[in-house]
Amino acid sequence: MRFVLPTATVIETGNHVFQIKEGTARRDRAEKFGSLLVKTAMGEAPWVLHERTWGGDFLRTLQSGGSTGIDLAEHATRQLLGAGDLSIVAERDLYAARVRADVRIWTLERTMGAWAGPV
């Protein structure tokens, strides 16, 4: 089993770190976060990086909602998945197609869990 680090996860984690109120704690967590990013880039983390660019395939998959079967506008209208979560689904779909394997999203969120199964 492999854990793949989605781009949205990196961005959201960074946002949480940057919002820590106390400056010393914020710096400590930012340094640890930065260290994990370097380890990921060097292949030393317990997960793999899905190296891809934000190309046309990704944007089309994001807009169409990927395997959710519901496009981005409908997700927004019905307040289902936000753009960050939808980008994780889109990235999972593209990764699964590339490696030709069943890929699941690990989440504890009920809403995201509806689309976490393998593709």
PDB file of N, CA and C in Angstrom:
ATOM      1  N   MET A   1       0.851  -1.173   0.000  1.00  0.00           N
ATOM      2  CA  MET A   1       0.000   0.000   0.000  1.00  0.00           C
ATOM      3  C   MET A   1       0.898   1.238   0.000  1.00  0.00           C
ATOM      4  N   ARG A   2       0.489   2.251  -0.766  1.00  0.00           N
ATOM      5  CA  ARG A   2       1.193   3.532  -0.833  1.00  0.00           C
ATOM      6  C   ARG A   2       0.244   4.666  -0.480  1.00  0.00           C
ATOM      7  N   PHE A   3       0.763   5.660   0.198  1.00  0.00           N
ATOM      8  CA  PHE A   3       0.024   6.892   0.413  1.00  0.00           C
ATOM      9  C   PHE A   3       0.547   7.910  -0.581  1.00  0.00           C
ATOM     10  N   VAL A   4      -0.362   8.563  -1.294  1.00  0.00           N
ATOM     11  CA  VAL A   4       0.006   9.581  -2.274  1.00  0.00           C
ATOM     12  C   VAL A   4      -0.399  10.933  -1.704  1.00  0.00           C
ATOM     13  N   LEU A   5       0.505  11.878  -1.769  1.00  0.00           N
ATOM     14  CA  LEU A   5       0.266  13.206  -1.208  1.00  0.00           C
ATOM     15  C   LEU A   5      -0.342  14.127  -2.265  1.00  0.00           C
ATOM     16  N   PRO A   6      -1.641  14.453  -2.144  1.00  0.00           N
ATOM     17  CA  PRO A   6      -2.269  15.360  -3.111  1.00  0.00           C
ATOM     18  C   PRO A   6      -1.826  16.813  -2.890  1.00  0.00           C
ATOM     19  N   THR A   7      -1.810  17.569  -3.952  1.00  0.00           N
ATOM     20  CA  THR A   7      -1.418  18.969  -3.894  1.00  0.00           C
ATOM     21  C   THR A   7      -2.283  19.755  -2.908  1.00  0.00           C
ATOM     22  N   ALA A   8      -3.579  19.536  -2.932  1.00  0.00           N
ATOM     23  CA  ALA A   8      -4.484  20.278  -2.043  1.00  0.00           C
ATOM     24  C   ALA A   8      -4.153  20.025  -0.575  1.00  0.00           C
ATOM     25  N   THR A   9      -3.673  18.836  -0.260  1.00  0.00           N
ATOM     26  CA  THR A   9      -3.309  18.519   1.118  1.00  0.00           C
ATOM     27  C   THR A   9      -2.130  19.370   1.578  1.00  0.00           C
ATOM     28  N   VAL A  10      -1.161  19.540   0.705  1.00  0.00           N
ATOM     29  CA  VAL A  10      -0.005  20.378   1.031  1.00  0.00           C
ATOM     30  C   VAL A  10      -0.457  21.818   1.270  1.00  0.00           C
ATOM     31  N   ILE A  11      -1.272  22.330   0.383  1.00  0.00           N
ATOM     32  CA  ILE A  11      -1.736  23.720   0.494  1.00  0.00           C
ATOM     33  C   ILE A  11      -2.560  23.915   1.763  1.00  0.00           C
ATOM     34  N   GLU A  12      -3.517  23.020   2.020  1.00  0.00           N
ATOM     35  CA  GLU A  12      -4.369  23.154   3.203  1.00  0.00           C
ATOM     36  C   GLU A  12      -3.574  23.013   4.497  1.00  0.00           C
ATOM     37  N   THR A  13      -2.614  22.087   4.524  1.00  0.00           N
ATOM     38  CA  THR A  13      -1.777  21.930   5.717  1.00  0.00           C
ATOM     39  C   THR A  13      -0.972  23.199   5.959  1.00  0.00           C
ATOM     40  N   GLY A  14      -0.388  23.735   4.896  1.00  0.00           N
ATOM     41  CA  GLY A  14       0.352  24.995   5.021  1.00  0.00           C
ATOM     42  C   GLY A  14      -0.529  26.114   5.545  1.00  0.00           C
ATOM     43  N   ASN A  15      -1.752  26.199   5.056  1.00  0.00           N
ATOM     44  CA  ASN A  15      -2.685  27.230   5.539  1.00  0.00           C
ATOM     45  C   ASN A  15      -2.937  27.082   7.032  1.00  0.00           C
ATOM     46  N   HIS A  16      -3.128  25.855   7.510  1.00  0.00           N
ATOM     47  CA  HIS A  16      -3.361  25.636   8.941  1.00  0.00           C
ATOM     48  C   HIS A  16      -2.135  26.028   9.762  1.00  0.00           C
ATOM     49  N   VAL A  17      -0.964  25.663   9.285  1.00  0.00           N
ATOM     50  CA  VAL A  17       0.276  26.021   9.991  1.00  0.00           C
ATOM     51  C   VAL A  17       0.409  27.539  10.073  1.00  0.00           C
ATOM     52  N   PHE A  18       0.169  28.224   8.985  1.00  0.00           N
ATOM     53  CA  PHE A  18       0.345  29.675   8.937  1.00  0.00           C
ATOM     54  C   PHE A  18      -0.658  30.414   9.804  1.00  0.00           C
ATOM     55  N   GLN A  19      -1.765  29.756  10.180  1.00  0.00           N
ATOM     56  CA  GLN A  19      -2.790  30.400  10.994  1.00  0.00           C
ATOM     57  C   GLN A  19      -2.602  30.171  12.493  1.00  0.00           C
ATOM     58  N   ILE A  20      -1.560  29.447  12.888  1.00  0.00           N
ATOM     59  CA  ILE A  20      -1.294  29.242  14.317  1.00  0.00           C
ATOM     60  C   ILE A  20      -1.030  30.611  14.949  1.00  0.00           C
ATOM     61  N   LYS A  21      -1.743  30.921  16.014  1.00  0.00           N
ATOM     62  CA  LYS A  21      -1.678  32.259  16.620  1.00  0.00           C
ATOM     63  C   LYS A  21      -0.327  32.584  17.245  1.00  0.00           C
ATOM     64  N   GLU A  22       0.211  31.661  18.007  1.00  0.00           N
ATOM     65  CA  GLU A  22       1.443  31.924  18.749  1.00  0.00           C
ATOM     66  C   GLU A  22       2.650  31.778  17.821  1.00  0.00           C
ATOM     67  N   GLY A  23       3.462  32.830  17.766  1.00  0.00           N
ATOM     68  CA  GLY A  23       4.552  32.915  16.806  1.00  0.00           C
ATOM     69  C   GLY A  23       5.607  31.830  16.905  1.00  0.00           C
ATOM     70  N   THR A  24       6.012  31.474  18.130  1.00  0.00           N
ATOM     71  CA  THR A  24       7.044  30.445  18.291  1.00  0.00           C
ATOM     72  C   THR A  24       6.520  29.089  17.830  1.00  0.00           C
ATOM     73  N   ALA A  25       5.290  28.777  18.198  1.00  0.00           N
ATOM     74  CA  ALA A  25       4.672  27.511  17.778  1.00  0.00           C
ATOM     75  C   ALA A  25       4.486  27.496  16.259  1.00  0.00           C
ATOM     76  N   ARG A  26       4.072  28.635  15.709  1.00  0.00           N
ATOM     77  CA  ARG A  26       3.879  28.734  14.254  1.00  0.00           C
ATOM     78  C   ARG A  26       5.198  28.469  13.527  1.00  0.00           C
ATOM     79  N   ARG A  27       6.286  29.079  14.020  1.00  0.00           N
ATOM     80  CA  ARG A  27       7.601  28.869  13.389  1.00  0.00           C
ATOM     81  C   ARG A  27       8.035  27.409  13.502  1.00  0.00           C
ATOM     82  N   ASP A  28       7.853  26.824  14.680  1.00  0.00           N
ATOM     83  CA  ASP A  28       8.232  25.426  14.895  1.00  0.00           C
ATOM     84  C   ASP A  28       7.491  24.512  13.912  1.00  0.00           C
ATOM     85  N   ARG A  29       6.191  24.702  13.811  1.00  0.00           N
ATOM     86  CA  ARG A  29       5.392  23.860  12.906  1.00  0.00           C
ATOM     87  C   ARG A  29       5.740  24.136  11.450  1.00  0.00           C
ATOM     88  N   ALA A  30       6.035  25.380  11.111  1.00  0.00           N
ATOM     89  CA  ALA A  30       6.413  25.709   9.733  1.00  0.00           C
ATOM     90  C   ALA A  30       7.743  25.046   9.370  1.00  0.00           C
ATOM     91  N   GLU A  31       8.676  25.009  10.321  1.00  0.00           N
ATOM     92  CA  GLU A  31       9.961  24.338  10.061  1.00  0.00           C
ATOM     93  C   GLU A  31       9.756  22.841   9.885  1.00  0.00           C
ATOM     94  N   LYS A  32       8.920  22.225  10.722  1.00  0.00           N
ATOM     95  CA  LYS A  32       8.637  20.791  10.590  1.00  0.00           C
ATOM     96  C   LYS A  32       7.906  20.506   9.284  1.00  0.00           C
ATOM     97  N   PHE A  33       6.973  21.361   8.930  1.00  0.00           N
ATOM     98  CA  PHE A  33       6.245  21.215   7.669  1.00  0.00           C
ATOM     99  C   PHE A  33       7.216  21.314   6.494  1.00  0.00           C
ATOM    100  N   GLY A  34       8.092  22.302   6.527  1.00  0.00           N
ATOM    101  CA  GLY A  34       9.088  22.466   5.473  1.00  0.00           C
ATOM    102  C   GLY A  34       9.999  21.256   5.357  1.00  0.00           C
ATOM    103  N   SER A  35      10.383  20.694   6.505  1.00  0.00           N
ATOM    104  CA  SER A  35      11.228  19.499   6.508  1.00  0.00           C
ATOM    105  C   SER A  35      10.505  18.329   5.852  1.00  0.00           C
ATOM    106  N   LEU A  36       9.221  18.176   6.138  1.00  0.00           N
ATOM    107  CA  LEU A  36       8.447  17.104   5.506  1.00  0.00           C
ATOM    108  C   LEU A  36       8.333  17.309   3.997  1.00  0.00           C
ATOM    109  N   LEU A  37       8.217  18.568   3.566  1.00  0.00           N
ATOM    110  CA  LEU A  37       8.164  18.838   2.127  1.00  0.00           C
ATOM    111  C   LEU A  37       9.462  18.419   1.446  1.00  0.00           C
ATOM    112  N   VAL A  38      10.595  18.730   2.087  1.00  0.00           N
ATOM    113  CA  VAL A  38      11.897  18.348   1.524  1.00  0.00           C
ATOM    114  C   VAL A  38      12.034  16.826   1.494  1.00  0.00           C
ATOM    115  N   LYS A  39      11.650  16.154   2.580  1.00  0.00           N
ATOM    116  CA  LYS A  39      11.712  14.691   2.611  1.00  0.00           C
ATOM    117  C   LYS A  39      10.820  14.089   1.519  1.00  0.00           C
ATOM    118  N   THR A  40       9.665  14.684   1.309  1.00  0.00           N
ATOM    119  CA  THR A  40       8.773  14.208   0.256  1.00  0.00           C
ATOM    120  C   THR A  40       9.440  14.358  -1.101  1.00  0.00           C
ATOM    121  N   ALA A  41      10.014  15.521  -1.342  1.00  0.00           N
ATOM    122  CA  ALA A  41      10.671  15.779  -2.628  1.00  0.00           C
ATOM    123  C   ALA A  41      11.834  14.825  -2.870  1.00  0.00           C
ATOM    124  N   MET A  42      12.488  14.391  -1.802  1.00  0.00           N
ATOM    125  CA  MET A  42      13.653  13.515  -1.925  1.00  0.00           C
ATOM    126  C   MET A  42      13.282  12.034  -1.864  1.00  0.00           C
ATOM    127  N   GLY A  43      11.981  11.748  -1.739  1.00  0.00           N
ATOM    128  CA  GLY A  43      11.541  10.358  -1.683  1.00  0.00           C
ATOM    129  C   GLY A  43      11.787   9.684  -0.355  1.00  0.00           C
ATOM    130  N   GLU A  44      11.936  10.465   0.712  1.00  0.00           N
ATOM    131  CA  GLU A  44      12.241   9.919   2.036  1.00  0.00           C
ATOM    132  C   GLU A  44      11.039   9.895   2.973  1.00  0.00           C
ATOM    133  N   ALA A  45       9.900  10.374   2.521  1.00  0.00           N
ATOM    134  CA  ALA A  45       8.705  10.410   3.363  1.00  0.00           C
ATOM    135  C   ALA A  45       7.951   9.082   3.231  1.00  0.00           C
ATOM    136  N   PRO A  46       7.058   8.808   4.172  1.00  0.00           N
ATOM    137  CA  PRO A  46       6.289   7.553   4.081  1.00  0.00           C
ATOM    138  C   PRO A  46       5.133   7.630   3.072  1.00  0.00           C
ATOM    139  N   TRP A  47       5.157   8.589   2.192  1.00  0.00           N
ATOM    140  CA  TRP A  47       4.161   8.714   1.128  1.00  0.00           C
ATOM    141  C   TRP A  47       4.887   9.112  -0.148  1.00  0.00           C
ATOM    142  N   VAL A  48       4.183   9.011  -1.248  1.00  0.00           N
ATOM    143  CA  VAL A  48       4.783   9.387  -2.527  1.00  0.00           C
ATOM    144  C   VAL A  48       4.119  10.655  -3.045  1.00  0.00           C
ATOM    145  N   LEU A  49       4.870  11.367  -3.811  1.00  0.00           N
ATOM    146  CA  LEU A  49       4.378  12.598  -4.419  1.00  0.00           C
ATOM    147  C   LEU A  49       3.828  12.258  -5.795  1.00  0.00           C
ATOM    148  N   HIS A  50       2.613  12.690  -6.063  1.00  0.00           N
ATOM    149  CA  HIS A  50       2.052  12.522  -7.407  1.00  0.00           C
ATOM    150  C   HIS A  50       2.547  13.690  -8.239  1.00  0.00           C
ATOM    151  N   GLU A  51       3.659  13.472  -8.890  1.00  0.00           N
ATOM    152  CA  GLU A  51       4.265  14.550  -9.675  1.00  0.00           C
ATOM    153  C   GLU A  51       3.469  14.738 -10.956  1.00  0.00           C
ATOM    154  N   ARG A  52       2.841  15.849 -11.042  1.00  0.00           N
ATOM    155  CA  ARG A  52       2.060  16.202 -12.218  1.00  0.00           C
ATOM    156  C   ARG A  52       1.968  17.707 -12.279  1.00  0.00           C
ATOM    157  N   THR A  53       1.576  18.196 -13.402  1.00  0.00           N
ATOM    158  CA  THR A  53       1.415  19.642 -13.545  1.00  0.00           C
ATOM    159  C   THR A  53      -0.070  19.971 -13.585  1.00  0.00           C
ATOM    160  N   TRP A  54      -0.356  21.206 -13.343  1.00  0.00           N
ATOM    161  CA  TRP A  54      -1.737  21.654 -13.448  1.00  0.00           C
ATOM    162  C   TRP A  54      -2.028  21.906 -14.916  1.00  0.00           C
ATOM    163  N   GLY A  55      -2.108  20.828 -15.658  1.00  0.00           N
ATOM    164  CA  GLY A  55      -2.349  20.924 -17.089  1.00  0.00           C
ATOM    165  C   GLY A  55      -3.824  20.837 -17.410  1.00  0.00           C
ATOM    166  N   GLY A  56      -4.074  20.778 -18.686  1.00  0.00           N
ATOM    167  CA  GLY A  56      -5.445  20.728 -19.186  1.00  0.00           C
ATOM    168  C   GLY A  56      -6.230  19.538 -18.685  1.00  0.00           C
ATOM    169  N   ASP A  57      -5.602  18.350 -18.632  1.00  0.00           N
ATOM    170  CA  ASP A  57      -6.314  17.159 -18.155  1.00  0.00           C
ATOM    171  C   ASP A  57      -6.811  17.353 -16.723  1.00  0.00           C
ATOM    172  N   PHE A  58      -5.940  17.906 -15.879  1.00  0.00           N
ATOM    173  CA  PHE A  58      -6.343  18.121 -14.487  1.00  0.00           C
ATOM    174  C   PHE A  58      -7.495  19.114 -14.403  1.00  0.00           C
ATOM    175  N   LEU A  59      -7.381  20.249 -15.108  1.00  0.00           N
ATOM    176  CA  LEU A  59      -8.432  21.262 -15.037  1.00  0.00           C
ATOM    177  C   LEU A  59      -9.757  20.756 -15.597  1.00  0.00           C
ATOM    178  N   ARG A  60      -9.707  19.964 -16.670  1.00  0.00           N
ATOM    179  CA  ARG A  60     -10.937  19.390 -17.215  1.00  0.00           C
ATOM    180  C   ARG A  60     -11.552  18.397 -16.228  1.00  0.00           C
ATOM    181  N   THR A  61     -10.719  17.591 -15.599  1.00  0.00           N
ATOM    182  CA  THR A  61     -11.224  16.623 -14.625  1.00  0.00           C
ATOM    183  C   THR A  61     -11.808  17.338 -13.413  1.00  0.00           C
ATOM    184  N   LEU A  62     -11.147  18.392 -12.951  1.00  0.00           N
ATOM    185  CA  LEU A  62     -11.658  19.185 -11.833  1.00  0.00           C
ATOM    186  C   LEU A  62     -13.008  19.795 -12.187  1.00  0.00           C
ATOM    187  N   GLN A  63     -13.106  20.396 -13.353  1.00  0.00           N
ATOM    188  CA  GLN A  63     -14.354  21.047 -13.768  1.00  0.00           C
ATOM    189  C   GLN A  63     -15.491  20.037 -13.918  1.00  0.00           C
ATOM    190  N   SER A  64     -15.167  18.851 -14.433  1.00  0.00           N
ATOM    191  CA  SER A  64     -16.223  17.852 -14.661  1.00  0.00           C
ATOM    192  C   SER A  64     -16.603  17.107 -13.383  1.00  0.00           C
ATOM    193  N   GLY A  65     -15.788  17.277 -12.335  1.00  0.00           N
ATOM    194  CA  GLY A  65     -16.074  16.591 -11.085  1.00  0.00           C
ATOM    195  C   GLY A  65     -15.515  15.183 -11.032  1.00  0.00           C
ATOM    196  N   GLY A  66     -14.780  14.806 -12.065  1.00  0.00           N
ATOM    197  CA  GLY A  66     -14.156  13.484 -12.092  1.00  0.00           C
ATOM    198  C   GLY A  66     -15.152  12.378 -11.830  1.00  0.00           C
ATOM    199  N   SER A  67     -14.746  11.420 -11.032  1.00  0.00           N
ATOM    200  CA  SER A  67     -15.572  10.240 -10.780  1.00  0.00           C
ATOM    201  C   SER A  67     -16.787  10.513  -9.892  1.00  0.00           C
ATOM    202  N   THR A  68     -16.956  11.752  -9.409  1.00  0.00           N
ATOM    203  CA  THR A  68     -18.166  12.048  -8.626  1.00  0.00           C
ATOM    204  C   THR A  68     -19.387  12.078  -9.533  1.00  0.00           C
ATOM    205  N   GLY A  69     -19.161  12.332 -10.834  1.00  0.00           N
ATOM    206  CA  GLY A  69     -20.283  12.422 -11.766  1.00  0.00           C
ATOM    207  C   GLY A  69     -21.065  13.718 -11.640  1.00  0.00           C
ATOM    208  N   ILE A  70     -20.551  14.659 -10.864  1.00  0.00           N
ATOM    209  CA  ILE A  70     -21.221  15.939 -10.628  1.00  0.00           C
ATOM    210  C   ILE A  70     -20.204  17.038 -10.914  1.00  0.00           C
ATOM    211  N   ASP A  71     -20.539  17.962 -11.802  1.00  0.00           N
ATOM    212  CA  ASP A  71     -19.539  18.969 -12.162  1.00  0.00           C
ATOM    213  C   ASP A  71     -19.331  20.003 -11.057  1.00  0.00           C
ATOM    214  N   LEU A  72     -18.260  20.784 -11.221  1.00  0.00           N
ATOM    215  CA  LEU A  72     -17.845  21.761 -10.221  1.00  0.00           C
ATOM    216  C   LEU A  72     -18.973  22.725  -9.857  1.00  0.00           C
ATOM    217  N   ALA A  73     -19.682  23.243 -10.852  1.00  0.00           N
ATOM    218  CA  ALA A  73     -20.769  24.196 -10.581  1.00  0.00           C
ATOM    219  C   ALA A  73     -21.882  23.562  -9.754  1.00  0.00           C
ATOM    220  N   GLU A  74     -22.192  22.297 -10.040  1.00  0.00           N
ATOM    221  CA  GLU A  74     -23.243  21.623  -9.275  1.00  0.00           C
ATOM    222  C   GLU A  74     -22.773  21.327  -7.850  1.00  0.00           C
ATOM    223  N   HIS A  75     -21.495  20.975  -7.689  1.00  0.00           N
ATOM    224  CA  HIS A  75     -20.961  20.801  -6.330  1.00  0.00           C
ATOM    225  C   HIS A  75     -21.106  22.107  -5.549  1.00  0.00           C
ATOM    226  N   ALA A  76     -20.798  23.223  -6.198  1.00  0.00           N
ATOM    227  CA  ALA A  76     -20.919  24.533  -5.534  1.00  0.00           C
ATOM    228  C   ALA A  76     -22.373  24.844  -5.215  1.00  0.00           C
ATOM    229  N   THR A  77     -23.252  24.598  -6.170  1.00  0.00           N
ATOM    230  CA  THR A  77     -24.672  24.904  -5.984  1.00  0.00           C
ATOM    231  C   THR A  77     -25.270  24.092  -4.841  1.00  0.00           C
ATOM    232  N   ARG A  78     -24.946  22.816  -4.804  1.00  0.00           N
ATOM    233  CA  ARG A  78     -25.509  21.921  -3.787  1.00  0.00           C
ATOM    234  C   ARG A  78     -24.651  21.859  -2.526  1.00  0.00           C
ATOM    235  N   GLN A  79     -23.551  22.609  -2.508  1.00  0.00           N
ATOM    236  CA  GLN A  79     -22.622  22.641  -1.367  1.00  0.00           C
ATOM    237  C   GLN A  79     -22.180  21.232  -0.970  1.00  0.00           C
ATOM    238  N   LEU A  80     -21.713  20.491  -1.977  1.00  0.00           N
ATOM    239  CA  LEU A  80     -21.225  19.134  -1.747  1.00  0.00           C
ATOM    240  C   LEU A  80     -19.738  19.204  -1.408  1.00  0.00           C
ATOM    241  N   LEU A  81     -18.865  19.007  -2.386  1.00  0.00           N
ATOM    242  CA  LEU A  81     -17.429  19.122  -2.159  1.00  0.00           C
ATOM    243  C   LEU A  81     -16.959  20.510  -2.545  1.00  0.00           C
ATOM    244  N   GLY A  82     -16.044  21.060  -1.757  1.00  0.00           N
ATOM    245  CA  GLY A  82     -15.411  22.319  -2.111  1.00  0.00           C
ATOM    246  C   GLY A  82     -14.358  22.069  -3.178  1.00  0.00           C
ATOM    247  N   ALA A  83     -13.796  23.124  -3.716  1.00  0.00           N
ATOM    248  CA  ALA A  83     -12.808  23.001  -4.789  1.00  0.00           C
ATOM    249  C   ALA A  83     -11.571  22.225  -4.341  1.00  0.00           C
ATOM    250  N   GLY A  84     -11.134  22.400  -3.097  1.00  0.00           N
ATOM    251  CA  GLY A  84      -9.965  21.665  -2.602  1.00  0.00           C
ATOM    252  C   GLY A  84     -10.224  20.164  -2.574  1.00  0.00           C
ATOM    253  N   ASP A  85     -11.358  19.771  -1.988  1.00  0.00           N
ATOM    254  CA  ASP A  85     -11.699  18.344  -1.940  1.00  0.00           C
ATOM    255  C   ASP A  85     -11.937  17.785  -3.341  1.00  0.00           C
ATOM    256  N   LEU A  86     -12.587  18.560  -4.181  1.00  0.00           N
ATOM    257  CA  LEU A  86     -12.831  18.112  -5.551  1.00  0.00           C
ATOM    258  C   LEU A  86     -11.512  17.942  -6.307  1.00  0.00           C
ATOM    259  N   SER A  87     -10.536  18.794  -6.002  1.00  0.00           N
ATOM    260  CA  SER A  87      -9.231  18.643  -6.657  1.00  0.00           C
ATOM    261  C   SER A  87      -8.539  17.361  -6.203  1.00  0.00           C
ATOM    262  N   ILE A  88      -8.779  16.939  -4.965  1.00  0.00           N
ATOM    263  CA  ILE A  88      -8.218  15.671  -4.483  1.00  0.00           C
ATOM    264  C   ILE A  88      -8.846  14.509  -5.247  1.00  0.00           C
ATOM    265  N   VAL A  89     -10.153  14.562  -5.466  1.00  0.00           N
ATOM    266  CA  VAL A  89     -10.824  13.522  -6.250  1.00  0.00           C
ATOM    267  C   VAL A  89     -10.270  13.503  -7.678  1.00  0.00           C
ATOM    268  N   ALA A  90     -10.149  14.675  -8.278  1.00  0.00           N
ATOM    269  CA  ALA A  90      -9.630  14.754  -9.649  1.00  0.00           C
ATOM    270  C   ALA A  90      -8.211  14.214  -9.725  1.00  0.00           C
ATOM    271  N   GLU A  91      -7.384  14.573  -8.763  1.00  0.00           N
ATOM    272  CA  GLU A  91      -6.000  14.104  -8.762  1.00  0.00           C
ATOM    273  C   GLU A  91      -5.959  12.588  -8.555  1.00  0.00           C
ATOM    274  N   ARG A  92      -6.801  12.077  -7.662  1.00  0.00           N
ATOM    275  CA  ARG A  92      -6.885  10.628  -7.442  1.00  0.00           C
ATOM    276  C   ARG A  92      -7.275   9.908  -8.731  1.00  0.00           C
ATOM    277  N   ASP A  93      -8.274  10.450  -9.437  1.00  0.00           N
ATOM    278  CA  ASP A  93      -8.730   9.834 -10.679  1.00  0.00           C
ATOM    279  C   ASP A  93      -7.605   9.770 -11.710  1.00  0.00           C
ATOM    280  N   LEU A  94      -6.879  10.870 -11.870  1.00  0.00           N
ATOM    281  CA  LEU A  94      -5.781  10.901 -12.842  1.00  0.00           C
ATOM    282  C   LEU A  94      -4.641   9.982 -12.424  1.00  0.00           C
ATOM    283  N   TYR A  95      -4.339   9.947 -11.133  1.00  0.00           N
ATOM    284  CA  TYR A  95      -3.279   9.070 -10.637  1.00  0.00           C
ATOM    285  C   TYR A  95      -3.659   7.606 -10.864  1.00  0.00           C
ATOM    286  N   ALA A  96      -4.898   7.251 -10.533  1.00  0.00           N
ATOM    287  CA  ALA A  96      -5.361   5.866 -10.705  1.00  0.00           C
ATOM    288  C   ALA A  96      -5.284   5.443 -12.169  1.00  0.00           C
ATOM    289  N   ALA A  97      -5.642   6.342 -13.073  1.00  0.00           N
ATOM    290  CA  ALA A  97      -5.566   6.026 -14.501  1.00  0.00           C
ATOM    291  C   ALA A  97      -4.110   5.848 -14.934  1.00  0.00           C
ATOM    292  N   ARG A  98      -3.227   6.668 -14.397  1.00  0.00           N
ATOM    293  CA  ARG A  98      -1.817   6.604 -14.782  1.00  0.00           C
ATOM    294  C   ARG A  98      -1.153   5.330 -14.287  1.00  0.00           C
ATOM    295  N   VAL A  99      -1.400   4.952 -13.031  1.00  0.00           N
ATOM    296  CA  VAL A  99      -0.733   3.772 -12.472  1.00  0.00           C
ATOM    297  C   VAL A  99      -1.551   2.496 -12.662  1.00  0.00           C
ATOM    298  N   ARG A 100      -2.750   2.646 -13.190  1.00  0.00           N
ATOM    299  CA  ARG A 100      -3.649   1.510 -13.429  1.00  0.00           C
ATOM    300  C   ARG A 100      -3.832   0.649 -12.175  1.00  0.00           C
ATOM    301  N   ALA A 101      -4.316   1.310 -11.134  1.00  0.00           N
ATOM    302  CA  ALA A 101      -4.537   0.623  -9.862  1.00  0.00           C
ATOM    303  C   ALA A 101      -5.764   1.209  -9.181  1.00  0.00           C
ATOM    304  N   ASP A 102      -6.333   0.462  -8.251  1.00  0.00           N
ATOM    305  CA  ASP A 102      -7.406   1.004  -7.425  1.00  0.00           C
ATOM    306  C   ASP A 102      -6.785   1.985  -6.445  1.00  0.00           C
ATOM    307  N   VAL A 103      -7.339   3.181  -6.389  1.00  0.00           N
ATOM    308  CA  VAL A 103      -6.815   4.213  -5.497  1.00  0.00           C
ATOM    309  C   VAL A 103      -7.983   4.747  -4.672  1.00  0.00           C
ATOM    310  N   ARG A 104      -7.783   4.790  -3.374  1.00  0.00           N
ATOM    311  CA  ARG A 104      -8.802   5.298  -2.448  1.00  0.00           C
ATOM    312  C   ARG A 104      -8.304   6.590  -1.810  1.00  0.00           C
ATOM    313  N   ILE A 105      -9.236   7.383  -1.346  1.00  0.00           N
ATOM    314  CA  ILE A 105      -8.909   8.605  -0.607  1.00  0.00           C
ATOM    315  C   ILE A 105      -9.098   8.289   0.875  1.00  0.00           C
ATOM    316  N   TRP A 106      -8.056   8.541   1.671  1.00  0.00           N
ATOM    317  CA  TRP A 106      -8.158   8.337   3.112  1.00  0.00           C
ATOM    318  C   TRP A 106      -8.691   9.623   3.716  1.00  0.00           C
ATOM    319  N   THR A 107      -9.860   9.536   4.334  1.00  0.00           N
ATOM    320  CA  THR A 107     -10.491  10.710   4.927  1.00  0.00           C
ATOM    321  C   THR A 107     -11.361  10.292   6.102  1.00  0.00           C
ATOM    322  N   LEU A 108     -11.516  11.207   7.026  1.00  0.00           N
ATOM    323  CA  LEU A 108     -12.431  11.000   8.138  1.00  0.00           C
ATOM    324  C   LEU A 108     -13.694  11.852   7.968  1.00  0.00           C
ATOM    325  N   GLU A 109     -13.736  12.639   6.885  1.00  0.00           N
ATOM    326  CA  GLU A 109     -14.887  13.494   6.634  1.00  0.00           C
ATOM    327  C   GLU A 109     -16.005  12.694   5.968  1.00  0.00           C
ATOM    328  N   ARG A 110     -17.207  12.847   6.482  1.00  0.00           N
ATOM    329  CA  ARG A 110     -18.351  12.102   5.947  1.00  0.00           C
ATOM    330  C   ARG A 110     -18.651  12.479   4.498  1.00  0.00           C
ATOM    331  N   THR A 111     -18.651  13.775   4.195  1.00  0.00           N
ATOM    332  CA  THR A 111     -18.968  14.211   2.838  1.00  0.00           C
ATOM    333  C   THR A 111     -17.935  13.691   1.846  1.00  0.00           C
ATOM    334  N   MET A 112     -16.666  13.865   2.155  1.00  0.00           N
ATOM    335  CA  MET A 112     -15.593  13.404   1.272  1.00  0.00           C
ATOM    336  C   MET A 112     -15.615  11.888   1.169  1.00  0.00           C
ATOM    337  N   GLY A 113     -15.988  11.214   2.248  1.00  0.00           N
ATOM    338  CA  GLY A 113     -16.028   9.758   2.277  1.00  0.00           C
ATOM    339  C   GLY A 113     -16.951   9.159   1.240  1.00  0.00           C
ATOM    340  N   ALA A 114     -17.959   9.914   0.822  1.00  0.00           N
ATOM    341  CA  ALA A 114     -18.874   9.405  -0.204  1.00  0.00           C
ATOM    342  C   ALA A 114     -18.165   9.140  -1.518  1.00  0.00           C
ATOM    343  N   TRP A 115     -17.053   9.853  -1.767  1.00  0.00           N
ATOM    344  CA  TRP A 115     -16.309   9.683  -3.017  1.00  0.00           C
ATOM    345  C   TRP A 115     -14.898   9.150  -2.782  1.00  0.00           C
ATOM    346  N   ALA A 116     -14.673   8.540  -1.627  1.00  0.00           N
ATOM    347  CA  ALA A 116     -13.329   8.091  -1.270  1.00  0.00           C
ATOM    348  C   ALA A 116     -12.996   6.707  -1.792  1.00  0.00           C
ATOM    349  N   GLY A 117     -13.993   5.945  -2.227  1.00  0.00           N
ATOM    350  CA  GLY A 117     -13.767   4.582  -2.679  1.00  0.00           C
ATOM    351  C   GLY A 117     -12.834   4.492  -3.877  1.00  0.00           C
ATOM    352  N   PRO A 118     -12.466   3.280  -4.213  1.00  0.00           N
ATOM    353  CA  PRO A 118     -11.490   3.111  -5.293  1.00  0.00           C
ATOM    354  C   PRO A 118     -12.044   3.469  -6.661  1.00  0.00           C
ATOM    355  N   VAL A 119     -11.146   3.925  -7.502  1.00  0.00           N
ATOM    356  CA  VAL A 119     -11.459   4.132  -8.929  1.00  0.00           C
ATOM    357  C   VAL A 119     -10.486   3.310  -9.711  1.00  0.00           C
TER     358      VAL A 119
END
